[in-house]
Amino acid sequence: MLTEINLIKKINFLILLSFPLFIILGNGFINLSIIIITLSCIILSIKKKIYLFSKTENILIGVFFLYVSLNSLFNFTNIENFLKSLGLFRYIFFSAAIVYTLNNISLNQLKKIKFFYLLVIIFVILDVIFQYLTGSDIFGFKPGMCENGNCLRFQGPFGDELIAGSFFAYFGLIAILLFFTKWKLNLLFLTLGIVIVLTGDRSPFISFLIFLFIYILISDQKIFNKFLLIFFTTLIFFLVINILSSSKARYFKFSQEILIIKESQAKNDFNLKNVYENIKQSPWGKHYQVAWAMFLDKPISGHGYNSFPIKCKKFEEITKTNLGDFRGCSSHPHNALLEILAEQGLIGLMILSIFIFYILKKIFFLKFYNKDIRIKFILSGVLFLTFYFPFKPTGSLFSTWLGTLTFFVYSFYLFFLNKTKYKSDNL
């Protein structure tokens, strides 16, 4: 039994070590690693009596996944979706196995992970910069969203997937948070923020800004220094966005298209109604209208797991979002809140909200002895919750790539929670 457990520990260490490569290589490698680490977690749960649901957070997210599966069965969009919904439980095993692995690896193994993670992050940064400067990365991948020789998205080694910004904002931040402390964090966070701007990926940049603001807010610095840090980082990002023509188009020109009236509208007729109409006609606005119509059609339970791409054409016609340059139908609604409302209804939103507010309660009320661990615990929790931030576009919440990245971050929230001794009268 001891030999078997040691073998499992070694395999889990190798999977954790190789995780950034799996993210780059794609869903096939991600799924394989999750299957292996899930099986190892089941074996460890039986032989080592590790209880997956010893944490209230895992109970709450488990209840949510159970509801999603039962709701999918009740709606019965198709059997494939029901089976996929059962697969959501793998994320609980995945995060539990990572926590167990982190708690049982040697200092030497931890140093290897630190070195390799940093090496991969630096490689992806350099590859994105190389792609920006030359028009292709070292593997020959071209940038995305190109027109007349001008490209707006730079994804480096991720090929056709425009997800480099998410890689830096989630994996990059959590990896740096795990291994570095004090002044090094300031420099590394700033570097990641600049590269996220370069990728042209706006949604991860919003998550990054939330993360950075909370980091500055809770850091052990004088109030005046915090204001200075916020001011100078804001100035740096403003200058970087202005200097990079692609980023300027992605951030400033996009805002102008939404907030400033179009040429066809009278210049003296600028008001919130015009802004609202411009948002409605944007690609995201049309997705949101379809998702909202689906929610209104079945507000209590929603239409079931992964039902948006199946049923969106019907609601696209109802909302008349099938006209014009952009369509309301898509693979997902591009917003976490609307995805939950459309597919899981108010019941699903209520269960997920309890899970989110429970984490927020711990972030606000837990008392720590160790300040560094306290900061890492809060930031890992905040970074996890930015996936569900309602006022930004998001990918499909439980797709293989984003879902795995989400619960990779969640595992570090649990890890820092387990590593910390705390006092609390509230929990």
Protein backbone atom coordinates (compact mmCIF):
# COMPACT_ATOMS: atom_id res chain seq x y z
CA MET A 1 0.00 0.00 0.00
CA LEU A 2 2.83 2.40 0.88
CA THR A 3 4.50 1.81 -2.51
CA GLU A 4 1.20 2.43 -4.28
CA ILE A 5 0.62 5.70 -2.41
CA ASN A 6 4.17 6.86 -3.18
CA LEU A 7 3.63 6.09 -6.87
CA ILE A 8 0.42 8.13 -6.86
CA LYS A 9 2.22 11.03 -5.18
CA LYS A 10 4.95 10.95 -7.87
CA ILE A 11 2.39 10.86 -10.69
CA ASN A 12 0.43 13.74 -9.18
CA PHE A 13 3.64 15.74 -8.75
CA LEU A 14 4.49 15.22 -12.44
CA ILE A 15 0.99 16.28 -13.48
CA LEU A 16 1.16 19.38 -11.30
CA LEU A 17 4.62 20.16 -12.63
CA SER A 18 3.48 19.75 -16.25
CA PHE A 19 0.18 21.58 -15.82
CA PRO A 20 1.17 24.78 -17.71
CA LEU A 21 2.26 22.65 -20.67
CA PHE A 22 -1.10 20.85 -20.67
CA ILE A 23 -2.85 24.24 -20.74
CA ILE A 24 -0.83 25.22 -23.80
CA LEU A 25 -1.18 21.87 -25.59
CA GLY A 26 -4.99 21.93 -25.31
CA ASN A 27 -8.06 20.05 -24.16
CA GLY A 28 -6.85 16.52 -24.96
CA PHE A 29 -3.88 16.79 -22.62
CA ILE A 30 -5.95 18.64 -20.01
CA ASN A 31 -8.64 15.93 -19.98
CA LEU A 32 -6.05 13.16 -19.74
CA SER A 33 -4.34 14.82 -16.77
CA ILE A 34 -7.68 15.40 -15.03
CA ILE A 35 -8.71 11.75 -15.52
CA ILE A 36 -5.43 10.52 -14.01
CA ILE A 37 -5.45 12.95 -11.09
CA THR A 38 -9.15 12.27 -10.42
CA LEU A 39 -8.54 8.51 -10.25
CA SER A 40 -5.62 9.12 -7.93
CA CYS A 41 -7.81 11.28 -5.72
CA ILE A 42 -10.44 8.52 -5.52
CA ILE A 43 -7.78 5.97 -4.51
CA LEU A 44 -6.34 8.36 -1.92
CA SER A 45 -9.83 9.06 -0.58
CA ILE A 46 -10.37 5.34 -0.02
CA LYS A 47 -6.93 4.34 1.27
CA LYS A 48 -5.91 7.49 3.11
CA LYS A 49 -9.44 8.44 4.18
CA ILE A 50 -9.25 11.88 2.58
CA TYR A 51 -12.67 13.45 2.73
CA LEU A 52 -13.42 15.58 -0.32
CA PHE A 53 -16.33 17.28 1.37
CA SER A 54 -14.65 18.18 4.64
CA LYS A 55 -14.71 21.79 3.41
CA THR A 56 -18.05 23.62 3.28
CA GLU A 57 -16.98 25.17 -0.03
CA ASN A 58 -16.77 21.73 -1.66
CA ILE A 59 -20.18 20.80 -0.27
CA LEU A 60 -21.73 23.95 -1.74
CA ILE A 61 -20.14 23.61 -5.17
CA GLY A 62 -21.01 19.90 -5.09
CA VAL A 63 -24.67 20.77 -4.46
CA PHE A 64 -24.52 23.19 -7.39
CA PHE A 65 -23.06 20.53 -9.70
CA LEU A 66 -25.69 18.04 -8.51
CA TYR A 67 -28.42 20.54 -9.33
CA VAL A 68 -26.90 21.16 -12.78
CA SER A 69 -26.93 17.41 -13.50
CA LEU A 70 -30.48 16.86 -12.25
CA ASN A 71 -31.64 19.96 -14.10
CA SER A 72 -30.02 18.69 -17.27
CA LEU A 73 -31.74 15.34 -16.83
CA PHE A 74 -35.09 17.05 -16.20
CA ASN A 75 -34.75 19.30 -19.26
CA PHE A 76 -33.13 16.45 -21.22
CA THR A 77 -31.70 18.64 -23.97
CA ASN A 78 -29.79 15.52 -25.01
CA ILE A 79 -28.09 12.60 -23.28
CA GLU A 80 -24.64 13.92 -24.20
CA ASN A 81 -25.22 17.12 -22.23
CA PHE A 82 -26.43 15.14 -19.22
CA LEU A 83 -23.27 13.00 -19.25
CA LYS A 84 -21.13 16.12 -19.62
CA SER A 85 -22.88 17.68 -16.64
CA LEU A 86 -21.88 14.65 -14.53
CA GLY A 87 -18.31 15.37 -15.57
CA LEU A 88 -18.39 18.64 -13.64
CA PHE A 89 -17.73 16.71 -10.44
CA ARG A 90 -14.22 16.01 -11.73
CA TYR A 91 -13.30 19.59 -10.85
CA ILE A 92 -13.82 18.88 -7.13
CA PHE A 93 -11.54 15.83 -7.36
CA PHE A 94 -9.06 17.84 -9.42
CA SER A 95 -8.78 20.67 -6.88
CA ALA A 96 -8.66 18.23 -3.92
CA ALA A 97 -5.83 16.26 -5.55
CA ILE A 98 -3.81 19.43 -6.16
CA VAL A 99 -4.21 20.50 -2.52
CA TYR A 100 -3.13 17.03 -1.34
CA THR A 101 -0.14 17.08 -3.71
CA LEU A 102 0.98 20.54 -2.58
CA ASN A 103 0.74 19.46 1.05
CA ASN A 104 2.85 16.35 0.45
CA ILE A 105 5.64 17.38 -1.88
CA SER A 106 9.19 17.99 -0.73
CA LEU A 107 10.94 21.35 -0.71
CA ASN A 108 13.07 20.20 -3.63
CA GLN A 109 9.96 19.29 -5.66
CA LEU A 110 8.42 22.66 -4.83
CA LYS A 111 11.55 24.38 -6.15
CA LYS A 112 11.28 22.39 -9.38
CA ILE A 113 7.66 23.48 -9.83
CA LYS A 114 8.63 27.09 -9.11
CA PHE A 115 11.45 27.01 -11.66
CA PHE A 116 9.41 25.27 -14.36
CA TYR A 117 6.32 27.47 -13.92
CA LEU A 118 8.43 30.60 -14.13
CA LEU A 119 10.25 29.22 -17.18
CA VAL A 120 6.95 28.52 -18.99
CA ILE A 121 5.52 31.95 -18.11
CA ILE A 122 8.66 33.69 -19.40
CA PHE A 123 8.57 31.58 -22.57
CA VAL A 124 4.94 32.48 -23.32
CA ILE A 125 5.66 36.18 -22.62
CA LEU A 126 8.61 36.17 -25.04
CA ASP A 127 6.63 34.24 -27.65
CA VAL A 128 3.74 36.74 -27.50
CA ILE A 129 6.19 39.65 -27.83
CA PHE A 130 7.92 37.87 -30.75
CA GLN A 131 4.56 37.38 -32.45
CA TYR A 132 3.72 41.06 -31.94
CA LEU A 133 7.03 42.19 -33.45
CA THR A 134 7.32 39.74 -36.36
CA GLY A 135 3.76 38.75 -37.26
CA SER A 136 4.08 35.13 -36.15
CA ASP A 137 5.28 33.27 -33.07
CA ILE A 138 8.20 30.82 -33.06
CA PHE A 139 5.86 27.98 -34.11
CA GLY A 140 4.50 29.97 -37.04
CA PHE A 141 1.14 30.85 -35.45
CA LYS A 142 -0.32 34.10 -36.74
CA PRO A 143 -2.04 36.75 -34.58
CA GLY A 144 -5.84 36.92 -34.42
CA MET A 145 -8.46 39.45 -35.48
CA CYS A 146 -6.40 40.76 -38.40
CA GLU A 147 -7.73 43.15 -41.06
CA ASN A 148 -5.72 44.99 -43.70
CA GLY A 149 -2.49 43.93 -42.06
CA ASN A 150 -3.50 45.24 -38.63
CA CYS A 151 -3.90 42.60 -35.91
CA LEU A 152 -5.55 43.12 -32.54
CA ARG A 153 -5.01 39.81 -30.70
CA PHE A 154 -1.72 38.09 -29.90
CA GLN A 155 -1.94 34.60 -28.46
CA GLY A 156 1.58 33.23 -28.94
CA PRO A 157 1.77 29.41 -28.64
CA PHE A 158 -1.99 28.95 -28.18
CA GLY A 159 -2.55 28.81 -31.96
CA ASP A 160 -6.06 29.74 -33.00
CA GLU A 161 -7.25 30.02 -29.40
CA LEU A 162 -7.23 33.66 -28.27
CA ILE A 163 -6.57 32.80 -24.63
CA ALA A 164 -3.07 34.04 -23.83
CA GLY A 165 -4.48 36.84 -21.67
CA SER A 166 -6.41 34.32 -19.57
CA PHE A 167 -3.27 32.21 -19.19
CA PHE A 168 -1.36 35.19 -17.77
CA ALA A 169 -4.24 36.54 -15.67
CA TYR A 170 -5.12 33.27 -13.97
CA PHE A 171 -2.32 30.73 -14.16
CA GLY A 172 0.39 33.42 -14.20
CA LEU A 173 -0.95 35.33 -11.22
CA ILE A 174 -1.60 32.27 -9.08
CA ALA A 175 1.84 30.79 -9.88
CA ILE A 176 3.60 34.03 -8.94
CA LEU A 177 1.45 34.34 -5.83
CA LEU A 178 2.51 30.85 -4.73
CA PHE A 179 6.24 31.37 -4.99
CA PHE A 180 7.11 35.04 -4.55
CA THR A 181 6.77 37.59 -1.79
CA LYS A 182 7.13 41.32 -1.03
CA TRP A 183 8.76 43.61 -3.59
CA LYS A 184 9.15 40.92 -6.26
CA LEU A 185 5.36 40.65 -6.47
CA ASN A 186 5.03 44.30 -7.49
CA LEU A 187 7.40 43.89 -10.43
CA LEU A 188 6.01 40.54 -11.57
CA PHE A 189 2.37 41.64 -11.31
CA LEU A 190 3.14 44.77 -13.33
CA THR A 191 4.94 42.73 -15.99
CA LEU A 192 1.99 40.33 -16.35
CA GLY A 193 -0.44 43.26 -16.57
CA ILE A 194 1.51 44.85 -19.43
CA VAL A 195 1.67 41.54 -21.33
CA ILE A 196 -2.08 40.98 -20.83
CA VAL A 197 -2.64 44.41 -22.41
CA LEU A 198 -0.40 43.36 -25.30
CA THR A 199 -2.47 40.21 -25.94
CA GLY A 200 -5.56 42.38 -26.50
CA ASP A 201 -7.59 40.15 -24.18
CA ARG A 202 -9.88 42.61 -22.37
CA SER A 203 -11.79 40.34 -20.00
CA PRO A 204 -8.70 38.89 -18.25
CA PHE A 205 -7.37 42.44 -17.95
CA ILE A 206 -10.49 43.35 -15.93
CA SER A 207 -9.81 40.37 -13.66
CA PHE A 208 -6.20 41.48 -13.36
CA LEU A 209 -7.21 45.03 -12.40
CA ILE A 210 -9.57 43.71 -9.69
CA PHE A 211 -6.80 41.44 -8.40
CA LEU A 212 -4.23 44.26 -8.45
CA PHE A 213 -6.53 46.74 -6.71
CA ILE A 214 -7.26 44.27 -3.89
CA TYR A 215 -3.54 43.44 -3.63
CA ILE A 216 -2.63 47.11 -3.19
CA LEU A 217 -5.53 47.62 -0.78
CA ILE A 218 -4.54 44.80 1.58
CA SER A 219 -0.76 45.20 1.25
CA ASP A 220 1.20 46.24 4.30
CA GLN A 221 1.89 49.81 3.17
CA LYS A 222 1.00 53.31 4.26
CA ILE A 223 -2.17 54.77 2.75
CA PHE A 224 -0.21 57.46 0.88
CA ASN A 225 2.04 54.81 -0.70
CA LYS A 226 -1.04 52.83 -1.76
CA PHE A 227 -2.44 55.90 -3.52
CA LEU A 228 0.91 56.45 -5.22
CA LEU A 229 1.04 52.81 -6.33
CA ILE A 230 -2.48 52.97 -7.75
CA PHE A 231 -1.71 56.28 -9.50
CA PHE A 232 1.55 55.12 -11.12
CA THR A 233 0.26 51.71 -12.19
CA THR A 234 -2.80 53.38 -13.74
CA LEU A 235 -0.50 55.84 -15.53
CA ILE A 236 1.74 53.02 -16.79
CA PHE A 237 -1.19 51.03 -18.20
CA PHE A 238 -2.66 54.18 -19.77
CA LEU A 239 0.65 54.93 -21.49
CA VAL A 240 1.17 51.32 -22.61
CA ILE A 241 -2.32 51.14 -24.13
CA ASN A 242 -1.71 54.43 -25.96
CA ILE A 243 1.71 53.40 -27.24
CA LEU A 244 0.59 50.01 -28.59
CA SER A 245 -1.65 50.68 -31.59
CA SER A 246 -3.38 47.29 -31.33
CA SER A 247 -4.16 47.81 -27.63
CA LYS A 248 -5.35 51.34 -28.28
CA ALA A 249 -7.82 49.98 -30.81
CA ARG A 250 -8.94 47.21 -28.44
CA TYR A 251 -9.48 49.42 -25.41
CA PHE A 252 -10.07 53.06 -26.35
CA LYS A 253 -11.67 52.78 -29.79
CA PHE A 254 -13.97 50.02 -28.59
CA SER A 255 -15.17 52.23 -25.72
CA GLN A 256 -15.75 55.07 -28.13
CA GLU A 257 -17.85 52.85 -30.39
CA ILE A 258 -20.04 51.90 -27.44
CA LEU A 259 -20.22 55.16 -25.50
CA ILE A 260 -20.05 57.77 -28.26
CA ILE A 261 -22.91 58.14 -30.67
CA LYS A 262 -22.46 56.93 -34.22
CA GLU A 263 -22.15 59.27 -37.19
CA SER A 264 -25.72 58.51 -38.18
CA GLN A 265 -26.93 59.94 -34.88
CA ALA A 266 -27.20 63.66 -34.26
CA LYS A 267 -24.16 65.00 -32.44
CA ASN A 268 -26.30 67.00 -30.08
CA ASP A 269 -28.43 64.00 -29.25
CA PHE A 270 -25.98 62.09 -27.04
CA ASN A 271 -27.77 60.39 -24.16
CA LEU A 272 -27.96 57.10 -22.28
CA LYS A 273 -30.53 55.77 -24.72
CA ASN A 274 -27.99 55.98 -27.55
CA VAL A 275 -25.38 54.23 -25.41
CA TYR A 276 -27.90 51.50 -24.58
CA GLU A 277 -28.76 51.01 -28.28
CA ASN A 278 -25.07 50.82 -29.21
CA ILE A 279 -24.50 48.15 -26.56
CA LYS A 280 -27.52 46.18 -27.79
CA GLN A 281 -26.13 46.11 -31.33
CA SER A 282 -22.66 44.98 -30.25
CA PRO A 283 -21.79 41.26 -30.52
CA TRP A 284 -21.95 40.85 -26.72
CA GLY A 285 -25.18 42.82 -26.49
CA LYS A 286 -26.84 40.43 -28.91
CA HIS A 287 -25.63 37.37 -26.99
CA TYR A 288 -26.94 38.93 -23.78
CA GLN A 289 -30.36 39.58 -25.32
CA VAL A 290 -30.67 35.94 -26.36
CA ALA A 291 -29.58 34.70 -22.93
CA TRP A 292 -32.03 37.05 -21.20
CA ALA A 293 -34.86 35.86 -23.43
CA MET A 294 -34.02 32.26 -22.55
CA PHE A 295 -34.08 33.15 -18.85
CA LEU A 296 -37.49 34.85 -19.17
CA ASP A 297 -38.82 31.77 -20.96
CA LYS A 298 -37.84 29.48 -18.03
CA PRO A 299 -36.85 31.72 -15.11
CA ILE A 300 -36.99 29.15 -12.31
CA SER A 301 -34.92 26.24 -13.60
CA GLY A 302 -33.46 27.50 -16.88
CA HIS A 303 -33.03 25.38 -20.00
CA GLY A 304 -30.37 22.99 -18.72
CA TYR A 305 -26.62 22.53 -18.97
CA ASN A 306 -25.02 23.67 -22.24
CA SER A 307 -28.44 24.50 -23.71
CA PHE A 308 -27.49 27.95 -25.00
CA PRO A 309 -25.79 26.81 -28.26
CA ILE A 310 -28.63 24.34 -28.88
CA LYS A 311 -31.57 26.68 -28.32
CA CYS A 312 -30.11 30.09 -29.16
CA LYS A 313 -31.34 30.09 -32.79
CA LYS A 314 -34.95 30.00 -31.65
CA PHE A 315 -34.44 32.91 -29.27
CA GLU A 316 -32.28 34.72 -31.81
CA GLU A 317 -35.36 34.96 -34.01
CA ILE A 318 -37.56 36.03 -31.10
CA THR A 319 -35.18 38.85 -30.13
CA LYS A 320 -34.45 39.76 -33.77
CA THR A 321 -30.74 39.48 -33.09
CA ASN A 322 -30.29 37.41 -36.26
CA LEU A 323 -30.12 40.61 -38.30
CA GLY A 324 -27.16 42.89 -38.98
CA ASP A 325 -23.40 42.33 -38.87
CA PHE A 326 -23.46 40.35 -35.62
CA ARG A 327 -25.65 37.47 -34.46
CA GLY A 328 -27.07 36.65 -31.05
CA CYS A 329 -26.36 32.92 -31.35
CA SER A 330 -23.02 31.64 -30.11
CA SER A 331 -21.40 28.77 -28.24
CA HIS A 332 -22.10 30.57 -24.92
CA PRO A 333 -23.60 33.89 -23.72
CA HIS A 334 -20.18 35.46 -22.95
CA ASN A 335 -21.29 36.46 -19.45
CA ALA A 336 -21.18 34.30 -16.31
CA LEU A 337 -24.37 35.68 -14.74
CA LEU A 338 -26.43 35.35 -17.91
CA GLU A 339 -25.04 31.87 -18.61
CA ILE A 340 -26.25 30.70 -15.20
CA LEU A 341 -29.63 32.43 -15.54
CA ALA A 342 -30.29 31.10 -19.05
CA GLU A 343 -29.22 27.52 -18.36
CA GLN A 344 -29.78 27.02 -14.60
CA GLY A 345 -32.39 29.67 -13.77
CA LEU A 346 -32.90 31.38 -10.43
CA ILE A 347 -32.42 28.13 -8.49
CA GLY A 348 -28.97 27.60 -9.97
CA LEU A 349 -28.04 31.24 -9.42
CA MET A 350 -29.17 31.05 -5.79
CA ILE A 351 -27.05 27.94 -5.06
CA LEU A 352 -23.99 29.40 -6.80
CA SER A 353 -24.49 32.72 -4.99
CA ILE A 354 -24.46 30.96 -1.59
CA PHE A 355 -21.13 29.36 -2.59
CA ILE A 356 -19.71 32.72 -3.68
CA PHE A 357 -20.90 34.62 -0.60
CA TYR A 358 -19.49 31.91 1.67
CA ILE A 359 -16.05 32.45 0.14
CA LEU A 360 -16.48 36.22 0.43
CA LYS A 361 -17.39 35.82 4.10
CA LYS A 362 -14.15 33.94 4.74
CA ILE A 363 -12.15 36.50 2.81
CA PHE A 364 -13.58 39.33 4.92
CA PHE A 365 -13.79 37.74 8.38
CA LEU A 366 -11.04 35.17 8.84
CA LYS A 367 -8.29 36.38 11.19
CA PHE A 368 -4.74 35.34 10.36
CA TYR A 369 -1.52 35.15 12.31
CA ASN A 370 0.68 35.10 9.20
CA LYS A 371 0.31 38.25 7.07
CA ASP A 372 1.88 36.74 3.94
CA ILE A 373 -0.44 33.74 4.01
CA ARG A 374 -3.39 36.05 4.70
CA ILE A 375 -2.59 38.07 1.57
CA LYS A 376 -2.16 34.95 -0.56
CA PHE A 377 -5.39 33.45 0.76
CA ILE A 378 -7.39 36.60 0.03
CA LEU A 379 -5.88 37.12 -3.43
CA SER A 380 -6.39 33.50 -4.51
CA GLY A 381 -10.02 33.74 -3.38
CA VAL A 382 -10.53 37.06 -5.16
CA LEU A 383 -8.93 35.74 -8.34
CA PHE A 384 -11.23 32.72 -8.27
CA LEU A 385 -14.31 34.92 -7.81
CA THR A 386 -13.35 37.14 -10.76
CA PHE A 387 -14.43 34.25 -13.00
CA TYR A 388 -17.99 34.95 -11.84
CA PHE A 389 -17.76 38.76 -11.87
CA PRO A 390 -21.05 39.76 -13.56
CA PHE A 391 -19.92 42.97 -15.27
CA LYS A 392 -17.43 41.57 -17.75
CA PRO A 393 -17.49 39.20 -20.72
CA THR A 394 -16.42 35.65 -19.90
CA GLY A 395 -15.78 32.39 -21.65
CA SER A 396 -18.04 29.43 -21.09
CA LEU A 397 -17.78 28.82 -17.33
CA PHE A 398 -17.40 25.06 -17.38
CA SER A 399 -15.66 24.45 -20.69
CA THR A 400 -12.67 22.15 -20.36
CA TRP A 401 -10.01 24.86 -20.65
CA LEU A 402 -11.60 27.63 -18.61
CA GLY A 403 -13.25 25.26 -16.13
CA THR A 404 -9.92 23.57 -15.40
CA LEU A 405 -8.18 26.92 -15.00
CA THR A 406 -10.98 28.09 -12.69
CA PHE A 407 -10.62 25.15 -10.34
CA PHE A 408 -6.85 25.25 -10.53
CA VAL A 409 -7.12 28.71 -8.97
CA TYR A 410 -9.76 27.40 -6.53
CA SER A 411 -7.36 24.67 -5.37
CA PHE A 412 -4.88 27.34 -4.26
CA TYR A 413 -7.61 29.12 -2.33
CA LEU A 414 -8.14 25.82 -0.46
CA PHE A 415 -4.40 25.24 -0.15
CA PHE A 416 -3.74 28.59 1.53
CA LEU A 417 -6.79 28.05 3.73
CA ASN A 418 -5.41 24.69 4.86
CA LYS A 419 -1.93 26.09 5.44
CA THR A 420 -3.22 28.84 7.72
CA LYS A 421 -4.05 28.73 11.39
CA TYR A 422 -6.74 31.26 12.09
CA LYS A 423 -9.17 32.40 14.72
CA SER A 424 -12.71 33.30 13.83
CA ASP A 425 -15.79 33.86 15.86
CA ASN A 426 -17.98 33.90 12.76
CA LEU A 427 -17.17 30.58 11.07
